[in-house]
Amino acid sequence: MAVIERIRAVAYCRYSSSNQHETSIEGQMRSIEEFCKKQNWILVSSYQDRAVSGTTDNREQFQKMISDSYNHNFERVVVYKLDRFARNRYDSIIYKNKLKKNDVLLCSVNENLTDSPESVILESLLDGMNEYYSKALSQIVIRGHLENAYKCIHNGGIPPLGYRVNSERKLEVVPEEAKIVKLIFELYTQGYGYSYILDRLSELNYHTKTGRTFSKSSLYEILSNPKYAGNFVYNRLASKDIDGKRNGHKTKSADKIVCIEGGCDKIVSKAMFDKAQRIKAANKRNAGRYSSKEMYLLSGKVICDCCGRKMTGNRSKCGRNKSLLVSYRCPSLKKVCKNKEINATYLNSHVSVLIGQKLLNLKSLKKAVAKVNKYIEKYNTDYDSNYDTVLAQYSEILDNLANITAAVEKGLVTEDLMQRAENLEAEKTELEKRLCTMKLLEPVKYEDFEHLLRQYKEIKHNTEEYRTFIQQFVKEIRVRPYDFDIVLDMGLGVVADELTEKITMRREELYKLFDSHVRE
C-alpha cells in the first residue's frame, strides 16, 4: 500500500505598530495551527516579524522564509490574513511568484482562496484594499503629526542633543547637553574643522544623545538643525530611498517643511547659526580642494613621541630612482624635532591586520565584552560611595564660597581671598561636570557588537568609511626614532584602561613583517 506524504507548511506571522503587541503573534499562530490541523498539513516551522511594517519587504524573518523556500523543505506558507504577508501590491505579486517558482503556495486562514478565476480576482482585490488601508492610515498619521508640529509638539523619537521632552510633549533645554552643542557651534564658527572638533569632544569625554562618540555625520546634523536657533521644524529631511535609508544631508523643499520661529528654546543665537550655515555652504563649494592623493588611514592618531605633535601625511621622492615615499612626518621635522618619519604604507597595512588579529575575531570580542562587563560591575558597585564622595566635596566648596561671599560683604577683600575664590569656582565647575556624567552603567551584550566582525571583512579599503571604522580601534600610535608603540582600544564605548592593548615594535620588525605579507 502506497504511503501518501502529507503537505509540509510553515507559518508567517507579523505585527506592525504600537497598537498591536506580542500577543497578536500568539493569536495568529493559534489560528494557523488549527487551520493546518483541519487541512491535515504538517506545520514544520514558523517565521515571525515583530513591530515591522508590511509596506516594506525589509523584514528579516520574511526574507529568511523566501530564502528557505529555495531548499524545498515546505510546500505551503500559511498566514492569518493576506495583509500579514504584504500591504504592497508590488511586493505581494513579486514574492508570491518567487514562492510559486519554488513550488510553494501562499494560503490564508481568513481568505479561502483557490486556483479558480474568481479567487484570482478576489485575491487581487484584497491586495488592493490592503494597500489602500495602509496608505489611508499613513495619511491620517501624517495629518496628526502636522497638527502637532504647528503646536510645536514633539512627534516622537529621540529629541536632538541638548533637548528633552517635557510633560506637555514640548522641547526644553538640558543644560549639561546644551553646553556641548554650544561648544560645537563656537569652534565651527571660529574656523575649526570637523577633525579638530571631534578631537576636542573626545578630550572632554563628550558623547552623543545615545552615548556614542561623535562622528562627522553627527556634527553635520547638529550644525544643520534649525531647532538650536529656536526654530521648531518638522518634515525637514528628505524621504527614505528605495533601500529604506534616509540621507541626513538631503532636505525637502521649503514649502513642505513646517518651521515655527521661536517654537522652542534656543541654544545658540540666530547670528551664530546663520554663520555656521554660510561656512558649510562655502566648504561644500571648496570640497574638491581638500582631496588627497593618498589615503592616510591613521591620520590624527600618529603622534611624535619626541615633541608631542601629531604627525601628518607626506609624499616625497627619494633615492637614486626618485621612488615615491608615503609617510607620516612630524611637522617640526628638520626644524627642532629630531624624530624620523615612518613609512605610511607599511604602518597602515600592519595596523589594519593587527586589529583583525587582536580585536576583531570571535574569541577576542567575547573576551573584550567580558572585560567590559567586569569593569561595569565594579563601577556600579562603587557608584554610591563615589557619588557621595564627590557630592561631599561639592558641598564643602559651596560652603567655602559662601564664607568668602560673607567676608567680601563685610569689606574683608584681599588678593589672596579673591584668588582662593577663583580656584574654588574652577573646582566647583569640574565637580559639576563629574556629577552630571556619573550614572549607573548597563551591561553590554556580545550580540550588540557582532556586526563589527562583518564590517571588518566587508567594508571596502581605501575609503573614508574604512578609515573611520579602523580609527575607532586605535587610541594612538607614538613614534620614536627607532621604535613605536601602537595602543589599540577595544572600541566598545566604555572608558577603562584594561580595555586597551599596547604593542611596541622596532621599525625593522615592521618592514620585515610587511615584506613577509607581500610575499604571502
Protein backbone atom coordinates (compact mmCIF):
# COMPACT_ATOMS: atom_id res chain seq x y z
CA MET A 1 0.00 0.00 0.00
CA ALA A 2 1.47 3.37 -1.08
CA VAL A 3 2.26 5.90 1.63
CA ILE A 4 0.74 9.33 0.96
CA GLU A 5 3.10 12.09 2.03
CA ARG A 6 1.46 14.93 3.96
CA ILE A 7 1.97 18.52 2.80
CA ARG A 8 4.54 20.46 4.79
CA ALA A 9 3.64 24.02 5.77
CA VAL A 10 5.28 26.96 7.53
CA ALA A 11 3.60 29.84 9.34
CA TYR A 12 4.37 33.51 8.73
CA CYS A 13 3.21 35.99 11.43
CA ARG A 14 3.72 39.72 11.76
CA TYR A 15 2.56 42.71 13.76
CA SER A 16 3.50 46.24 12.83
CA SER A 17 2.84 49.00 15.32
CA SER A 18 2.46 50.05 18.92
CA ASN A 19 -1.29 49.45 18.53
CA GLN A 20 -0.52 45.76 18.31
CA HIS A 21 1.63 43.67 20.61
CA GLU A 22 3.33 40.33 21.19
CA THR A 23 0.02 38.54 21.91
CA SER A 24 -1.16 39.22 18.36
CA ILE A 25 1.59 36.85 17.16
CA GLU A 26 0.33 34.15 19.54
CA GLY A 27 -3.23 34.63 18.28
CA GLN A 28 -2.11 34.32 14.65
CA MET A 29 -0.15 31.16 15.46
CA ARG A 30 -3.15 29.51 17.17
CA SER A 31 -5.35 30.17 14.13
CA ILE A 32 -2.69 28.87 11.73
CA GLU A 33 -2.14 25.71 13.79
CA GLU A 34 -5.88 24.96 13.79
CA PHE A 35 -6.07 25.64 10.04
CA CYS A 36 -3.17 23.25 9.28
CA LYS A 37 -4.70 20.59 11.51
CA LYS A 38 -8.01 20.76 9.56
CA GLN A 39 -6.12 20.55 6.25
CA ASN A 40 -4.07 17.61 7.59
CA TRP A 41 -0.83 19.54 6.88
CA ILE A 42 2.38 19.26 8.92
CA LEU A 43 3.41 22.61 10.39
CA VAL A 44 7.21 22.31 10.26
CA SER A 45 8.31 25.83 11.20
CA SER A 46 7.29 29.45 11.75
CA TYR A 47 8.70 32.86 10.80
CA GLN A 48 7.81 35.88 12.96
CA ASP A 49 8.48 39.59 12.37
CA ARG A 50 7.69 41.80 15.35
CA ALA A 51 6.94 45.55 15.12
CA VAL A 52 7.72 45.63 11.37
CA SER A 53 5.51 47.29 8.75
CA GLY A 54 4.06 45.23 5.91
CA THR A 55 4.59 48.11 3.46
CA THR A 56 8.26 47.15 3.14
CA ASP A 57 9.97 43.88 2.25
CA ASN A 58 12.90 44.76 4.51
CA ARG A 59 11.82 42.17 7.09
CA GLU A 60 14.40 39.75 8.43
CA GLN A 61 12.17 36.69 9.00
CA PHE A 62 10.17 37.33 5.83
CA GLN A 63 13.34 37.33 3.72
CA LYS A 64 14.61 34.22 5.53
CA MET A 65 11.34 32.44 4.69
CA ILE A 66 11.67 33.38 0.99
CA SER A 67 15.30 32.24 1.01
CA ASP A 68 14.42 28.92 2.73
CA SER A 69 11.77 28.22 0.11
CA TYR A 70 14.59 27.53 -2.37
CA ASN A 71 15.53 24.47 -0.29
CA HIS A 72 12.11 22.83 -0.99
CA ASN A 73 11.58 21.93 2.69
CA PHE A 74 7.93 23.04 2.62
CA GLU A 75 5.08 23.38 0.10
CA ARG A 76 2.80 25.95 1.79
CA VAL A 77 3.17 29.31 3.52
CA VAL A 78 0.20 30.00 5.80
CA VAL A 79 -0.74 33.48 7.04
CA TYR A 80 -3.60 34.62 9.27
CA LYS A 81 -4.63 37.23 6.65
CA LEU A 82 -3.05 38.29 3.36
CA ASP A 83 -2.14 41.70 4.79
CA ARG A 84 0.32 39.90 7.12
CA PHE A 85 2.23 38.80 4.01
CA ALA A 86 2.36 42.26 2.37
CA ARG A 87 0.47 45.58 2.26
CA ASN A 88 2.03 46.50 -1.05
CA ARG A 89 0.66 45.05 -4.31
CA TYR A 90 4.05 45.07 -6.00
CA ASP A 91 5.75 43.17 -3.16
CA SER A 92 2.79 40.77 -2.93
CA ILE A 93 2.99 39.83 -6.62
CA ILE A 94 6.80 39.58 -6.70
CA TYR A 95 7.16 37.35 -3.64
CA LYS A 96 4.16 35.14 -4.45
CA ASN A 97 5.80 34.44 -7.80
CA LYS A 98 9.10 33.63 -6.10
CA LEU A 99 7.32 31.13 -3.86
CA LYS A 100 5.43 29.70 -6.82
CA LYS A 101 8.67 29.10 -8.75
CA ASN A 102 9.84 27.04 -5.75
CA ASP A 103 6.55 25.06 -5.79
CA VAL A 104 5.28 26.84 -2.67
CA LEU A 105 1.75 28.27 -2.43
CA LEU A 106 0.57 31.09 -0.18
CA CYS A 107 -2.55 30.29 1.89
CA SER A 108 -4.66 32.47 4.17
CA VAL A 109 -6.66 31.33 7.20
CA ASN A 110 -9.32 34.04 6.80
CA GLU A 111 -9.44 34.32 3.00
CA ASN A 112 -10.35 30.98 1.47
CA LEU A 113 -8.61 31.29 -1.89
CA THR A 114 -8.28 28.55 -4.52
CA ASP A 115 -6.89 28.35 -8.06
CA SER A 116 -10.25 29.35 -9.57
CA PRO A 117 -10.56 32.53 -11.71
CA GLU A 118 -12.88 34.02 -9.07
CA SER A 119 -10.23 33.57 -6.37
CA VAL A 120 -7.60 35.28 -8.55
CA ILE A 121 -9.88 38.35 -8.86
CA LEU A 122 -10.69 38.26 -5.13
CA GLU A 123 -7.02 37.99 -4.18
CA SER A 124 -6.14 40.97 -6.39
CA LEU A 125 -8.98 42.95 -4.81
CA LEU A 126 -7.80 42.10 -1.30
CA ASP A 127 -4.22 43.15 -2.13
CA GLY A 128 -5.55 46.48 -3.42
CA MET A 129 -7.70 47.01 -0.33
CA ASN A 130 -4.75 46.25 1.97
CA GLU A 131 -2.58 48.79 0.17
CA TYR A 132 -5.41 51.36 0.25
CA TYR A 133 -5.87 50.82 4.01
CA SER A 134 -2.13 51.22 4.63
CA LYS A 135 -1.90 54.45 2.62
CA ALA A 136 -5.09 55.89 4.17
CA LEU A 137 -3.76 55.13 7.66
CA SER A 138 -0.44 56.74 6.74
CA GLN A 139 -2.22 59.94 5.65
CA ILE A 140 -4.15 60.09 8.93
CA VAL A 141 -0.90 59.74 10.90
CA ILE A 142 0.79 62.45 8.80
CA ARG A 143 -2.12 64.85 9.37
CA GLY A 144 -1.88 64.24 13.12
CA HIS A 145 1.87 64.89 13.06
CA LEU A 146 1.38 68.12 11.11
CA GLU A 147 -1.17 69.38 13.65
CA ASN A 148 1.29 68.58 16.44
CA ALA A 149 4.08 70.38 14.56
CA TYR A 150 2.05 73.59 14.22
CA LYS A 151 1.60 73.47 18.02
CA CYS A 152 5.37 72.80 18.44
CA ILE A 153 4.66 69.39 19.98
CA HIS A 154 7.39 66.75 19.64
CA ASN A 155 6.26 63.96 17.31
CA GLY A 156 8.21 61.12 18.88
CA GLY A 157 11.67 59.65 18.56
CA ILE A 158 14.84 60.70 20.38
CA PRO A 159 14.96 64.51 20.77
CA PRO A 160 18.09 66.30 19.48
CA LEU A 161 21.16 66.59 21.71
CA GLY A 162 20.55 69.48 24.11
CA TYR A 163 16.80 68.91 24.50
CA ARG A 164 14.37 66.68 26.36
CA VAL A 165 10.59 66.32 26.07
CA ASN A 166 8.59 67.76 28.98
CA SER A 167 5.15 66.76 30.30
CA GLU A 168 3.48 68.88 27.59
CA ARG A 169 5.46 66.98 24.92
CA LYS A 170 7.42 70.11 24.06
CA LEU A 171 11.20 70.51 23.83
CA GLU A 172 13.06 72.02 26.76
CA VAL A 173 16.80 72.62 27.15
CA VAL A 174 19.05 70.16 29.02
CA PRO A 175 21.87 72.44 30.32
CA GLU A 176 24.60 69.76 30.51
CA GLU A 177 23.92 68.73 26.89
CA ALA A 178 23.37 72.28 25.62
CA LYS A 179 26.94 73.23 26.52
CA ILE A 180 28.19 70.53 24.13
CA VAL A 181 26.07 71.96 21.32
CA LYS A 182 27.30 75.49 22.10
CA LEU A 183 30.93 74.31 22.02
CA ILE A 184 30.44 72.67 18.61
CA PHE A 185 28.93 75.85 17.11
CA GLU A 186 31.57 78.08 18.73
CA LEU A 187 34.50 76.03 17.43
CA TYR A 188 32.99 75.65 13.96
CA THR A 189 32.20 79.36 13.55
CA GLN A 190 35.74 80.17 14.76
CA GLY A 191 37.08 78.30 11.73
CA TYR A 192 37.94 74.89 13.23
CA GLY A 193 37.23 71.83 11.06
CA TYR A 194 35.39 68.62 11.91
CA SER A 195 38.58 66.70 12.79
CA TYR A 196 39.68 69.27 15.37
CA ILE A 197 36.19 69.47 16.87
CA LEU A 198 35.99 65.66 17.13
CA ASP A 199 39.36 65.57 18.90
CA ARG A 200 38.22 68.30 21.30
CA LEU A 201 34.96 66.49 22.10
CA SER A 202 36.88 63.27 22.66
CA GLU A 203 39.31 65.01 25.04
CA LEU A 204 36.36 66.31 27.07
CA ASN A 205 34.76 62.83 27.02
CA TYR A 206 31.56 64.21 25.45
CA HIS A 207 29.13 61.80 23.77
CA THR A 208 26.04 61.94 21.58
CA LYS A 209 22.49 61.60 22.87
CA THR A 210 22.74 57.80 22.55
CA GLY A 211 26.12 57.61 24.32
CA ARG A 212 28.22 57.11 21.18
CA THR A 213 31.33 59.03 20.20
CA PHE A 214 30.73 61.91 17.81
CA SER A 215 31.31 61.43 14.08
CA LYS A 216 31.42 63.85 11.16
CA SER A 217 27.84 62.92 10.29
CA SER A 218 26.58 63.71 13.81
CA LEU A 219 28.40 67.07 13.72
CA TYR A 220 26.84 67.88 10.34
CA GLU A 221 23.36 67.07 11.67
CA ILE A 222 23.83 69.27 14.75
CA LEU A 223 25.17 72.20 12.72
CA SER A 224 22.23 71.88 10.29
CA ASN A 225 19.39 71.66 12.83
CA PRO A 226 17.36 74.96 13.00
CA LYS A 227 15.93 73.95 16.39
CA TYR A 228 19.17 75.09 18.02
CA ALA A 229 18.37 78.64 16.86
CA GLY A 230 14.86 78.40 18.35
CA ASN A 231 13.01 77.37 15.17
CA PHE A 232 10.78 74.31 15.64
CA VAL A 233 10.93 72.31 12.38
CA TYR A 234 9.11 69.21 11.15
CA ASN A 235 9.23 67.25 7.89
CA ARG A 236 12.69 68.64 7.09
CA LEU A 237 14.61 65.53 5.99
CA ALA A 238 14.05 64.04 2.55
CA SER A 239 12.07 60.81 2.22
CA LYS A 240 13.78 57.45 2.51
CA ASP A 241 15.47 55.97 -0.53
CA ILE A 242 14.31 52.75 -2.16
CA ASP A 243 16.60 50.76 0.14
CA GLY A 244 14.86 52.24 3.20
CA LYS A 245 17.76 54.51 4.22
CA ARG A 246 17.44 58.23 4.88
CA ASN A 247 20.16 60.66 3.81
CA GLY A 248 20.58 63.25 6.58
CA HIS A 249 22.23 65.66 4.11
CA LYS A 250 19.11 65.94 1.90
CA THR A 251 16.17 68.13 2.88
CA LYS A 252 12.73 68.72 1.40
CA SER A 253 11.71 71.91 -0.37
CA ALA A 254 10.85 74.89 1.87
CA ASP A 255 7.11 74.73 1.08
CA LYS A 256 6.87 71.20 2.57
CA ILE A 257 8.77 71.99 5.79
CA VAL A 258 6.89 73.19 8.87
CA CYS A 259 9.02 75.87 10.54
CA ILE A 260 7.76 77.82 13.59
CA GLU A 261 10.10 80.64 14.57
CA GLY A 262 10.52 80.80 18.34
CA GLY A 263 8.74 77.45 18.64
CA CYS A 264 11.36 76.06 21.03
CA ASP A 265 14.05 77.40 23.35
CA LYS A 266 17.21 78.39 21.50
CA ILE A 267 20.65 77.09 22.45
CA VAL A 268 22.70 79.30 20.07
CA SER A 269 21.98 82.73 18.65
CA LYS A 270 20.45 83.15 15.20
CA ALA A 271 23.59 85.03 14.10
CA MET A 272 25.85 82.12 15.11
CA PHE A 273 23.56 79.54 13.45
CA ASP A 274 23.43 81.57 10.21
CA LYS A 275 27.22 81.94 10.22
CA ALA A 276 27.58 78.14 10.55
CA GLN A 277 25.33 77.67 7.51
CA ARG A 278 27.44 80.09 5.45
CA ILE A 279 30.64 78.24 6.39
CA LYS A 280 29.06 74.86 5.50
CA ALA A 281 27.96 76.21 2.12
CA ALA A 282 31.44 77.59 1.41
CA ASN A 283 33.10 74.31 2.44
CA LYS A 284 30.76 72.39 0.13
CA ARG A 285 31.81 74.54 -2.82
CA ASN A 286 35.50 74.09 -1.96
CA ALA A 287 35.30 70.37 -1.15
CA GLY A 288 37.43 69.35 -4.15
CA ARG A 289 40.37 71.42 -2.94
CA TYR A 290 40.80 69.24 0.13
CA SER A 291 41.05 65.89 -1.66
CA SER A 292 44.27 63.99 -1.07
CA LYS A 293 46.20 61.78 -3.44
CA GLU A 294 46.77 59.27 -0.62
CA MET A 295 44.53 57.60 1.97
CA TYR A 296 46.21 58.28 5.30
CA LEU A 297 44.41 55.60 7.27
CA LEU A 298 45.80 56.66 10.67
CA SER A 299 45.57 60.42 10.22
CA GLY A 300 45.26 62.15 13.61
CA LYS A 301 46.33 59.02 15.53
CA VAL A 302 50.12 59.06 14.87
CA ILE A 303 51.95 61.17 17.47
CA CYS A 304 55.60 62.19 17.60
CA ASP A 305 56.91 60.88 20.92
CA CYS A 306 59.78 63.38 20.84
CA CYS A 307 57.84 66.66 20.75
CA GLY A 308 54.21 65.52 21.23
CA ARG A 309 52.83 66.92 17.95
CA LYS A 310 50.54 64.92 15.67
CA MET A 311 52.40 63.57 12.65
CA THR A 312 50.95 64.43 9.24
CA GLY A 313 50.81 62.60 5.92
CA ASN A 314 53.62 63.37 3.49
CA ARG A 315 54.55 62.36 -0.08
CA SER A 316 58.12 62.75 -1.35
CA LYS A 317 60.52 61.38 -3.97
CA CYS A 318 63.65 59.80 -2.55
CA GLY A 319 66.63 57.68 -3.53
CA ARG A 320 68.57 57.48 -6.76
CA ASN A 321 65.49 56.30 -8.67
CA LYS A 322 63.29 59.04 -7.15
CA SER A 323 60.79 56.47 -5.92
CA LEU A 324 57.71 57.72 -4.12
CA LEU A 325 57.70 57.55 -0.30
CA VAL A 326 54.39 57.99 1.53
CA SER A 327 54.98 58.59 5.23
CA TYR A 328 53.82 60.11 8.48
CA ARG A 329 56.13 63.00 9.36
CA CYS A 330 56.42 65.31 12.37
CA PRO A 331 55.56 68.91 11.35
CA SER A 332 58.66 70.07 13.28
CA LEU A 333 60.99 67.66 11.46
CA LYS A 334 64.26 69.28 10.29
CA LYS A 335 63.45 72.37 12.41
CA VAL A 336 63.53 71.50 16.10
CA CYS A 337 62.48 67.84 16.18
CA LYS A 338 64.98 65.03 15.57
CA ASN A 339 62.44 62.25 15.05
CA LYS A 340 62.32 60.13 11.89
CA GLU A 341 59.35 59.82 9.54
CA ILE A 342 57.68 56.40 9.30
CA ASN A 343 56.51 54.60 6.16
CA ALA A 344 52.72 55.11 5.98
CA THR A 345 52.06 52.21 3.61
CA TYR A 346 53.73 49.73 5.95
CA LEU A 347 52.16 51.15 9.10
CA ASN A 348 48.62 51.35 7.62
CA SER A 349 48.79 47.75 6.43
CA HIS A 350 50.18 46.40 9.69
CA VAL A 351 47.69 48.20 11.95
CA SER A 352 44.76 47.04 9.80
CA VAL A 353 45.91 43.41 10.04
CA LEU A 354 46.73 43.81 13.75
CA ILE A 355 43.18 44.96 14.55
CA GLY A 356 41.83 41.82 12.89
CA GLN A 357 44.24 39.58 14.82
CA LYS A 358 43.94 41.23 18.24
CA LEU A 359 40.36 42.56 18.34
CA LEU A 360 38.01 41.65 15.52
CA ASN A 361 37.68 37.91 15.89
CA LEU A 362 35.17 35.83 17.81
CA LYS A 363 37.42 34.94 20.75
CA SER A 364 38.85 38.44 21.25
CA LEU A 365 35.48 40.18 21.00
CA LYS A 366 33.87 37.86 23.58
CA LYS A 367 36.87 38.38 25.87
CA ALA A 368 36.57 42.17 25.44
CA VAL A 369 32.84 42.11 26.23
CA ALA A 370 33.56 40.07 29.38
CA LYS A 371 36.18 42.66 30.44
CA VAL A 372 33.74 45.49 29.81
CA ASN A 373 31.06 43.85 31.94
CA LYS A 374 33.56 43.17 34.73
CA TYR A 375 34.52 46.85 34.66
CA ILE A 376 30.82 47.89 34.65
CA GLU A 377 30.06 45.59 37.58
CA LYS A 378 32.90 47.12 39.64
CA TYR A 379 31.92 50.66 38.60
CA ASN A 380 28.28 50.11 39.62
CA THR A 381 29.33 48.51 42.93
CA ASP A 382 31.45 51.57 43.77
CA TYR A 383 28.95 54.06 42.32
CA ASP A 384 27.15 55.08 45.53
CA SER A 385 30.31 55.69 47.56
CA ASN A 386 31.99 57.56 44.68
CA TYR A 387 28.91 59.75 44.11
CA ASP A 388 28.63 60.54 47.83
CA THR A 389 32.35 61.45 47.95
CA VAL A 390 32.08 63.84 45.00
CA LEU A 391 28.83 65.31 46.38
CA ALA A 392 30.51 65.91 49.78
CA GLN A 393 33.42 67.68 48.05
CA TYR A 394 30.95 69.80 46.08
CA SER A 395 29.02 70.76 49.26
CA GLU A 396 32.26 71.71 51.02
CA ILE A 397 33.23 74.01 48.14
CA LEU A 398 29.79 75.66 48.24
CA ASP A 399 30.22 76.29 51.98
CA ASN A 400 33.68 77.80 51.43
CA LEU A 401 32.38 80.06 48.64
CA ALA A 402 29.52 81.17 50.91
CA ASN A 403 32.04 82.06 53.63
CA ILE A 404 34.13 84.08 51.16
CA THR A 405 30.99 85.89 49.95
CA ALA A 406 30.11 86.76 53.56
CA ALA A 407 33.65 88.07 54.14
CA VAL A 408 33.50 90.23 51.00
CA GLU A 409 30.16 91.68 52.10
CA LYS A 410 31.85 92.76 55.35
CA GLY A 411 34.59 94.50 53.36
CA LEU A 412 37.31 91.91 54.02
CA VAL A 413 38.65 91.86 50.44
CA THR A 414 42.23 90.70 49.89
CA GLU A 415 44.10 89.46 46.83
CA ASP A 416 44.63 86.03 48.42
CA LEU A 417 40.93 85.76 49.22
CA MET A 418 39.88 86.55 45.63
CA GLN A 419 42.44 84.09 44.26
CA ARG A 420 41.03 81.46 46.63
CA ALA A 421 37.50 82.19 45.35
CA GLU A 422 38.66 81.85 41.75
CA ASN A 423 40.29 78.47 42.47
CA LEU A 424 37.15 77.23 44.26
CA GLU A 425 34.95 78.27 41.31
CA ALA A 426 37.16 76.23 38.95
CA GLU A 427 36.95 73.20 41.27
CA LYS A 428 33.17 73.67 41.53
CA THR A 429 32.81 73.62 37.72
CA GLU A 430 34.84 70.40 37.44
CA LEU A 431 32.81 68.67 40.17
CA GLU A 432 29.56 69.73 38.47
CA LYS A 433 30.79 68.05 35.28
CA ARG A 434 31.60 64.87 37.21
CA LEU A 435 28.20 64.82 38.94
CA CYS A 436 26.42 65.25 35.57
CA THR A 437 28.33 62.39 33.93
CA MET A 438 28.14 59.94 36.85
CA LYS A 439 25.45 57.34 36.24
CA LEU A 440 24.94 53.59 36.56
CA LEU A 441 26.11 51.65 33.50
CA GLU A 442 24.16 48.94 31.69
CA PRO A 443 25.95 45.63 30.92
CA VAL A 444 26.79 45.12 27.24
CA LYS A 445 26.00 42.08 25.08
CA TYR A 446 28.26 40.35 22.58
CA GLU A 447 25.41 40.43 20.02
CA ASP A 448 25.43 44.25 20.11
CA PHE A 449 28.97 44.29 18.66
CA GLU A 450 28.92 41.19 16.45
CA HIS A 451 28.36 43.40 13.40
CA LEU A 452 31.94 44.73 13.79
CA LEU A 453 33.35 41.38 12.63
CA ARG A 454 31.25 41.54 9.48
CA GLN A 455 32.09 45.19 8.79
CA TYR A 456 35.83 44.50 9.09
CA LYS A 457 35.57 41.95 6.27
CA GLU A 458 33.06 43.78 4.07
CA ILE A 459 33.99 47.49 4.12
CA LYS A 460 35.99 48.44 1.06
CA HIS A 461 39.58 49.50 1.79
CA ASN A 462 40.97 52.91 0.82
CA THR A 463 37.67 54.64 1.56
CA GLU A 464 36.68 57.26 4.13
CA GLU A 465 34.26 54.73 5.62
CA TYR A 466 37.10 52.25 6.19
CA ARG A 467 39.31 54.92 7.78
CA THR A 468 36.50 55.90 10.18
CA PHE A 469 35.94 52.22 11.03
CA ILE A 470 39.62 51.45 11.72
CA GLN A 471 40.26 54.63 13.72
CA GLN A 472 37.68 53.72 16.38
CA PHE A 473 40.02 50.90 17.47
CA VAL A 474 43.26 52.92 17.51
CA LYS A 475 43.81 55.05 20.60
CA GLU A 476 47.21 56.37 19.49
CA ILE A 477 50.49 55.44 17.85
CA ARG A 478 53.55 57.06 19.45
CA VAL A 479 56.58 57.14 17.15
CA ARG A 480 60.21 57.41 18.27
CA PRO A 481 63.40 57.39 16.12
CA TYR A 482 63.86 53.62 16.26
CA ASP A 483 60.64 52.13 17.59
CA PHE A 484 56.98 52.95 18.19
CA ASP A 485 54.00 52.00 20.37
CA ILE A 486 50.59 51.04 18.98
CA VAL A 487 47.83 51.42 21.57
CA LEU A 488 44.66 49.62 20.48
CA ASP A 489 41.27 50.35 22.02
CA MET A 490 38.60 47.64 22.12
CA GLY A 491 36.15 50.27 20.86
CA LEU A 492 33.21 49.11 22.97
CA GLY A 493 32.32 52.57 24.24
CA VAL A 494 33.43 52.15 27.87
CA VAL A 495 36.46 54.03 29.22
CA ALA A 496 38.69 51.57 31.07
CA ASP A 497 42.47 51.18 30.95
CA GLU A 498 42.22 47.39 30.89
CA LEU A 499 40.41 47.59 27.54
CA THR A 500 43.48 48.89 25.73
CA GLU A 501 46.43 46.87 24.47
CA LYS A 502 49.91 48.28 23.90
CA ILE A 503 52.22 46.76 21.29
CA THR A 504 55.81 48.01 20.99
CA MET A 505 57.72 47.33 17.76
CA ARG A 506 61.00 48.36 16.20
CA ARG A 507 60.87 49.84 12.72
CA GLU A 508 62.96 47.00 11.27
CA GLU A 509 60.38 44.49 12.55
CA LEU A 510 57.61 46.44 10.84
CA TYR A 511 59.38 46.44 7.48
CA LYS A 512 60.23 42.73 7.69
CA LEU A 513 56.64 41.95 8.63
CA PHE A 514 55.33 43.94 5.67
CA ASP A 515 57.71 42.20 3.26
CA SER A 516 56.56 38.78 4.52
CA HIS A 517 52.90 39.76 3.97
CA VAL A 518 53.73 40.85 0.40
CA ARG A 519 55.47 37.51 -0.34
CA GLU A 520 52.49 35.56 1.03
